[in-house]
Amino acid sequence: MRSSASPRSCALWIDHLKDHADKPNDIQLTSLTAEINILSDRFHYTPLVESCFLTTLDKWRTDAHRTIDRFYETQRRHSEQFIQQNRDKQRKEIDRLRLKLNDLIREQNATQ
């Protein structure tokens, strides 16, 4: 079967069809361009987020070290006080024993 359309009308129809086919592509390209711009903005923003994250991580590290140092200093002070108190008790006990021994020696010498 032969088509009744002339070559000229076919060319016009094809051009018209191309115009309609290009319009969705224009919309898709515009949409794709918008998506690419959003991604580009995210990449430009990402270093700020990374920088903020790293700054926060560094601050956490500094604060954690400060907390550990304070805890260490407190424990060290308590330990030094405990050791000193025990030494003082031992020294007093040794002094008491020395006096008692000296008293016993004097009493023994006195009885002899």
Protein backbone atom coordinates (compact mmCIF):
# COMPACT_ATOMS: atom_id res chain seq x y z
CA MET A 1 0.00 0.00 0.00
CA ARG A 2 1.25 3.35 -0.93
CA SER A 3 1.15 6.40 1.36
CA SER A 4 -0.77 9.39 0.07
CA ALA A 5 1.45 11.91 1.89
CA SER A 6 3.84 13.94 -0.21
CA PRO A 7 7.54 14.04 0.60
CA ARG A 8 7.14 17.68 1.62
CA SER A 9 4.39 16.90 4.12
CA CYS A 10 6.45 14.01 5.52
CA ALA A 11 9.38 16.34 6.10
CA LEU A 12 7.14 18.84 7.90
CA TRP A 13 5.63 16.08 9.97
CA ILE A 14 9.11 14.75 10.93
CA ASP A 15 10.24 18.27 11.87
CA HIS A 16 7.11 18.69 13.97
CA LEU A 17 7.75 15.33 15.62
CA LYS A 18 11.35 16.35 16.36
CA ASP A 19 10.12 19.59 17.97
CA HIS A 20 7.87 17.58 20.27
CA ALA A 21 10.59 15.03 20.97
CA ASP A 22 13.11 17.78 21.83
CA LYS A 23 10.85 19.45 24.41
CA PRO A 24 10.91 16.57 26.92
CA ASN A 25 14.66 16.35 26.37
CA ASP A 26 14.96 20.07 27.17
CA ILE A 27 13.01 19.50 30.38
CA GLN A 28 15.16 16.47 31.19
CA LEU A 29 18.34 18.41 30.45
CA THR A 30 17.17 21.30 32.62
CA SER A 31 16.34 18.86 35.40
CA LEU A 32 19.69 17.12 34.97
CA THR A 33 21.48 20.47 35.03
CA ALA A 34 19.68 21.34 38.28
CA GLU A 35 20.74 18.01 39.80
CA ILE A 36 24.34 18.56 38.74
CA ASN A 37 24.26 22.05 40.29
CA ILE A 38 22.92 20.59 43.55
CA LEU A 39 25.69 17.97 43.58
CA SER A 40 28.27 20.64 42.82
CA ASP A 41 26.98 22.74 45.72
CA ARG A 42 27.21 19.71 48.00
CA PHE A 43 30.83 19.15 47.01
CA HIS A 44 31.62 22.78 47.73
CA TYR A 45 29.83 22.49 51.08
CA THR A 46 31.36 19.10 52.00
CA PRO A 47 34.79 20.51 52.96
CA LEU A 48 33.01 22.80 55.41
CA VAL A 49 31.21 19.81 56.93
CA GLU A 50 34.45 17.81 57.00
CA SER A 51 36.28 20.74 58.55
CA CYS A 52 33.55 21.17 61.16
CA PHE A 53 33.62 17.43 61.90
CA LEU A 54 37.41 17.42 62.26
CA THR A 55 37.32 20.54 64.45
CA THR A 56 34.69 18.90 66.66
CA LEU A 57 36.75 15.72 66.83
CA ASP A 58 39.88 17.71 67.80
CA LYS A 59 37.92 19.56 70.49
CA TRP A 60 36.61 16.25 71.83
CA ARG A 61 40.19 14.93 71.97
CA THR A 62 41.43 18.02 73.80
CA ASP A 63 38.52 17.89 76.27
CA ALA A 64 39.05 14.15 76.83
CA HIS A 65 42.75 14.68 77.53
CA ARG A 66 41.92 17.53 79.92
CA THR A 67 39.41 15.31 81.72
CA ILE A 68 41.92 12.47 81.96
CA ASP A 69 44.63 14.86 83.23
CA ARG A 70 42.27 16.23 85.91
CA PHE A 71 41.30 12.71 86.96
CA TYR A 72 44.97 11.70 87.07
CA GLU A 73 45.90 14.74 89.17
CA THR A 74 43.05 14.08 91.60
CA GLN A 75 43.96 10.39 91.95
CA ARG A 76 47.65 11.21 92.31
CA ARG A 77 46.90 13.75 95.07
CA HIS A 78 44.69 11.24 96.90
CA SER A 79 47.35 8.54 96.53
CA GLU A 80 50.10 10.84 97.82
CA GLN A 81 47.92 11.78 100.81
CA PHE A 82 47.15 8.12 101.50
CA ILE A 83 50.84 7.18 101.29
CA GLN A 84 51.85 10.09 103.53
CA GLN A 85 49.16 9.23 106.10
CA ASN A 86 50.33 5.60 106.17
CA ARG A 87 53.96 6.68 106.55
CA ASP A 88 52.97 9.02 109.38
CA LYS A 89 51.07 6.20 111.12
CA GLN A 90 53.99 3.82 110.67
CA ARG A 91 56.46 6.44 111.92
CA LYS A 92 54.29 7.10 114.99
CA GLU A 93 53.98 3.37 115.63
CA ILE A 94 57.74 2.92 115.30
CA ASP A 95 58.31 5.86 117.69
CA ARG A 96 55.79 4.37 120.14
CA LEU A 97 57.48 0.97 119.95
CA ARG A 98 60.92 2.58 120.41
CA LEU A 99 59.72 4.43 123.52
CA LYS A 100 58.09 1.30 124.92
CA LEU A 101 61.27 -0.71 124.24
CA ASN A 102 63.37 1.98 125.92
CA ASP A 103 60.98 1.91 128.91
CA LEU A 104 61.27 -1.87 129.10
CA ILE A 105 65.07 -1.65 128.94
CA ARG A 106 65.08 0.95 131.74
CA GLU A 107 62.74 -1.18 133.85
CA GLN A 108 64.94 -4.25 133.29
CA ASN A 109 68.07 -2.28 134.19
CA ALA A 110 66.30 -0.95 137.24
CA THR A 111 65.29 -4.37 138.44
CA GLN A 112 68.77 -5.78 137.96
